[in-house]
C-alpha cells in the first residue's frame, strides 16, 4: 500500500511511518487500537491528487514499539515531531480520526508552526 517504510527512533521506542507520493505532505493519524492500515482506501486517492501521504503507527500500535514511558497524547505528539524531523518535513496537513484526532489537536497546540491545516474526524 505504501511506497516506503521508515523506522524512526523516538527516545525509547521505534516508531514506524509509511510514506507514498510527493508534493505537500498530508499526515494521517489513526484511532486507538488501529494502525496506519486504517487509511488504505484514502492513500491512493490522496497520492493521485498530488500529495505526499504519511501515516504513522502510533506508539504501541501496529509496528511501532510501546517503549517504557507509558502512552499519552503528549508523548505521541513528541513522536510525531521526531518523525517530521527525521523526514525533513517543515509543515503538513494533519488529519486525525478518533484518538488520532486527539493526537492531532495536541500536536497542533504543541507545534503550531508545523501544521498547515488540521482535519479532525
C-alpha atoms as a PDB file:
ATOM      1  CA  UNK A   1       0.000   0.000   0.000  1.00  0.00           C
ATOM      2  CA  UNK A   2       2.825   2.425   0.861  1.00  0.00           C
ATOM      3  CA  UNK A   3       5.957   3.043  -1.204  1.00  0.00           C
ATOM      4  CA  UNK A   4       8.355   3.350   1.755  1.00  0.00           C
ATOM      5  CA  UNK A   5       8.510   2.332   5.392  1.00  0.00           C
ATOM      6  CA  UNK A   6      10.583   4.362   7.841  1.00  0.00           C
ATOM      7  CA  UNK A   7      11.609   3.231  11.309  1.00  0.00           C
ATOM      8  CA  UNK A   8      12.438   6.243  13.460  1.00  0.00           C
ATOM      9  CA  UNK A   9      13.930   6.019  16.931  1.00  0.00           C
ATOM     10  CA  UNK A  10      11.982   8.264  19.312  1.00  0.00           C
ATOM     11  CA  UNK A  11      13.951   8.046  22.571  1.00  0.00           C
ATOM     12  CA  UNK A  12      12.846   4.661  23.951  1.00  0.00           C
ATOM     13  CA  UNK A  13      10.786   3.324  21.030  1.00  0.00           C
ATOM     14  CA  UNK A  14      10.997   2.642  17.323  1.00  0.00           C
ATOM     15  CA  UNK A  15       8.120   4.363  15.505  1.00  0.00           C
ATOM     16  CA  UNK A  16       7.028   3.141  12.068  1.00  0.00           C
ATOM     17  CA  UNK A  17       5.894   5.639   9.477  1.00  0.00           C
ATOM     18  CA  UNK A  18       4.752   4.890   5.945  1.00  0.00           C
ATOM     19  CA  UNK A  19       5.300   7.222   3.019  1.00  0.00           C
ATOM     20  CA  UNK A  20       3.853   7.473  -0.512  1.00  0.00           C
ATOM     21  CA  UNK A  21       3.676  10.090  -3.235  1.00  0.00           C
ATOM     22  CA  UNK A  22       5.169  13.545  -3.490  1.00  0.00           C
ATOM     23  CA  UNK A  23       4.010  17.100  -3.038  1.00  0.00           C
ATOM     24  CA  UNK A  24       2.517  18.787   0.002  1.00  0.00           C
ATOM     25  CA  UNK A  25       2.658  16.354   2.945  1.00  0.00           C
ATOM     26  CA  UNK A  26      -0.555  15.021   4.467  1.00  0.00           C
ATOM     27  CA  UNK A  27      -0.133  13.135   7.757  1.00  0.00           C
ATOM     28  CA  UNK A  28      -2.806  10.565   8.604  1.00  0.00           C
ATOM     29  CA  UNK A  29      -3.294   9.600  12.269  1.00  0.00           C
ATOM     30  CA  UNK A  30      -5.353   6.508  13.157  1.00  0.00           C
ATOM     31  CA  UNK A  31      -7.599   5.829  16.133  1.00  0.00           C
ATOM     32  CA  UNK A  32      -6.936   3.793  19.283  1.00  0.00           C
ATOM     33  CA  UNK A  33      -6.396   0.080  18.694  1.00  0.00           C
ATOM     34  CA  UNK A  34      -5.834   0.626  14.976  1.00  0.00           C
ATOM     35  CA  UNK A  35      -2.803   1.321  12.813  1.00  0.00           C
ATOM     36  CA  UNK A  36      -1.882   3.027   9.549  1.00  0.00           C
ATOM     37  CA  UNK A  37      -3.753   0.390   7.512  1.00  0.00           C
ATOM     38  CA  UNK A  38      -6.948   2.206   8.595  1.00  0.00           C
ATOM     39  CA  UNK A  39      -6.192   4.685   5.774  1.00  0.00           C
ATOM     40  CA  UNK A  40      -5.687   2.094   2.985  1.00  0.00           C
ATOM     41  CA  UNK A  41      -8.569   3.414   0.864  1.00  0.00           C
ATOM     42  CA  UNK A  42      -7.648   7.089   1.233  1.00  0.00           C
ATOM     43  CA  UNK A  43      -3.924   6.783   0.440  1.00  0.00           C
ATOM     44  CA  UNK A  44      -4.237   6.082  -3.321  1.00  0.00           C
ATOM     45  CA  UNK A  45      -6.768   8.902  -3.733  1.00  0.00           C
ATOM     46  CA  UNK A  46      -4.518  11.425  -1.948  1.00  0.00           C
ATOM     47  CA  UNK A  47      -1.405  10.295  -3.847  1.00  0.00           C
ATOM     48  CA  UNK A  48      -3.295  10.593  -7.147  1.00  0.00           C
ATOM     49  CA  UNK A  49      -4.320  14.128  -6.119  1.00  0.00           C
ATOM     50  CA  UNK A  50      -0.626  15.036  -5.825  1.00  0.00           C
ATOM     51  CA  UNK A  51       0.038  14.779  -2.085  1.00  0.00           C
ATOM     52  CA  UNK A  52       2.848  13.112  -0.186  1.00  0.00           C
ATOM     53  CA  UNK A  53       0.984  10.846   2.232  1.00  0.00           C
ATOM     54  CA  UNK A  54       2.492   9.840   5.568  1.00  0.00           C
ATOM     55  CA  UNK A  55       0.779   7.511   8.026  1.00  0.00           C
ATOM     56  CA  UNK A  56       2.368   6.784  11.385  1.00  0.00           C
ATOM     57  CA  UNK A  57       1.651   3.801  13.598  1.00  0.00           C
ATOM     58  CA  UNK A  58       1.290   5.497  16.977  1.00  0.00           C
ATOM     59  CA  UNK A  59       3.439   4.247  19.834  1.00  0.00           C
ATOM     60  CA  UNK A  60       2.202   0.814  20.936  1.00  0.00           C
ATOM     61  CA  UNK A  61       0.126   0.327  17.767  1.00  0.00           C
ATOM     62  CA  UNK A  62       0.828  -1.548  14.535  1.00  0.00           C
ATOM     63  CA  UNK A  63       4.567  -1.953  14.020  1.00  0.00           C
ATOM     64  CA  UNK A  64       5.557   0.807  16.446  1.00  0.00           C
ATOM     65  CA  UNK A  65       7.026  -0.138  19.793  1.00  0.00           C
ATOM     66  CA  UNK A  66       5.387   0.945  23.043  1.00  0.00           C
ATOM     67  CA  UNK A  67       8.633   1.911  24.767  1.00  0.00           C
ATOM     68  CA  UNK A  68       8.905   2.308  28.533  1.00  0.00           C
ATOM     69  CA  UNK A  69       7.421   5.782  29.134  1.00  0.00           C
ATOM     70  CA  UNK A  70       3.735   4.876  29.030  1.00  0.00           C
ATOM     71  CA  UNK A  71       1.269   6.111  26.440  1.00  0.00           C
ATOM     72  CA  UNK A  72      -0.038   9.677  26.256  1.00  0.00           C
ATOM     73  CA  UNK A  73      -1.065  12.152  23.588  1.00  0.00           C
ATOM     74  CA  UNK A  74       1.752  14.442  24.715  1.00  0.00           C
ATOM     75  CA  UNK A  75       4.292  11.670  24.084  1.00  0.00           C
ATOM     76  CA  UNK A  76       2.627  10.755  20.761  1.00  0.00           C
ATOM     77  CA  UNK A  77       2.915  14.427  19.714  1.00  0.00           C
ATOM     78  CA  UNK A  78       6.642  14.386  20.520  1.00  0.00           C
ATOM     79  CA  UNK A  79       6.982  11.174  18.490  1.00  0.00           C
ATOM     80  CA  UNK A  80       5.266  12.855  15.550  1.00  0.00           C
ATOM     81  CA  UNK A  81       7.642  15.826  15.888  1.00  0.00           C
ATOM     82  CA  UNK A  82      10.568  13.375  15.725  1.00  0.00           C
ATOM     83  CA  UNK A  83       9.071  11.820  12.583  1.00  0.00           C
ATOM     84  CA  UNK A  84       8.790  15.279  10.979  1.00  0.00           C
ATOM     85  CA  UNK A  85      12.447  15.998  11.815  1.00  0.00           C
ATOM     86  CA  UNK A  86      13.699  12.632  10.571  1.00  0.00           C
ATOM     87  CA  UNK A  87      11.840  13.001   7.271  1.00  0.00           C
ATOM     88  CA  UNK A  88      12.680  16.683   6.775  1.00  0.00           C
ATOM     89  CA  UNK A  89       9.055  17.837   6.971  1.00  0.00           C
ATOM     90  CA  UNK A  90       8.727  21.504   7.913  1.00  0.00           C
ATOM     91  CA  UNK A  91       4.906  21.609   7.815  1.00  0.00           C
ATOM     92  CA  UNK A  92       1.998  19.387   6.765  1.00  0.00           C
ATOM     93  CA  UNK A  93      -1.751  18.993   6.659  1.00  0.00           C
ATOM     94  CA  UNK A  94      -2.606  16.798   9.656  1.00  0.00           C
ATOM     95  CA  UNK A  95      -5.662  14.505   9.573  1.00  0.00           C
ATOM     96  CA  UNK A  96      -6.790  12.632  12.681  1.00  0.00           C
ATOM     97  CA  UNK A  97      -9.509  10.042  13.177  1.00  0.00           C
ATOM     98  CA  UNK A  98     -10.876   9.323  16.677  1.00  0.00           C
ATOM     99  CA  UNK A  99      -7.879   9.238  19.060  1.00  0.00           C
ATOM    100  CA  UNK A 100      -5.804  10.322  16.066  1.00  0.00           C
ATOM    101  CA  UNK A 101      -7.908  13.498  16.222  1.00  0.00           C
ATOM    102  CA  UNK A 102      -6.926  13.947  19.854  1.00  0.00           C
ATOM    103  CA  UNK A 103      -3.290  13.459  18.874  1.00  0.00           C
ATOM    104  CA  UNK A 104      -3.685  15.965  16.024  1.00  0.00           C
ATOM    105  CA  UNK A 105      -5.092  18.578  18.431  1.00  0.00           C
ATOM    106  CA  UNK A 106      -2.285  18.003  20.927  1.00  0.00           C
ATOM    107  CA  UNK A 107       0.311  18.200  18.135  1.00  0.00           C
ATOM    108  CA  UNK A 108      -1.200  21.416  16.732  1.00  0.00           C
ATOM    109  CA  UNK A 109      -1.236  23.043  20.176  1.00  0.00           C
ATOM    110  CA  UNK A 110       2.328  21.973  20.936  1.00  0.00           C
ATOM    111  CA  UNK A 111       3.821  22.590  17.476  1.00  0.00           C
ATOM    112  CA  UNK A 112       1.510  25.036  15.638  1.00  0.00           C
ATOM    113  CA  UNK A 113       4.240  26.071  13.200  1.00  0.00           C
ATOM    114  CA  UNK A 114       4.261  22.509  11.798  1.00  0.00           C
ATOM    115  CA  UNK A 115       0.540  22.351  10.956  1.00  0.00           C
ATOM    116  CA  UNK A 116      -0.785  23.875   7.716  1.00  0.00           C
ATOM    117  CA  UNK A 117      -4.335  22.562   8.003  1.00  0.00           C
ATOM    118  CA  UNK A 118      -5.951  20.445  10.687  1.00  0.00           C
ATOM    119  CA  UNK A 119      -8.707  17.954   9.805  1.00  0.00           C
ATOM    120  CA  UNK A 120     -10.457  16.185  12.694  1.00  0.00           C
ATOM    121  CA  UNK A 121     -12.800  13.246  12.312  1.00  0.00           C
END
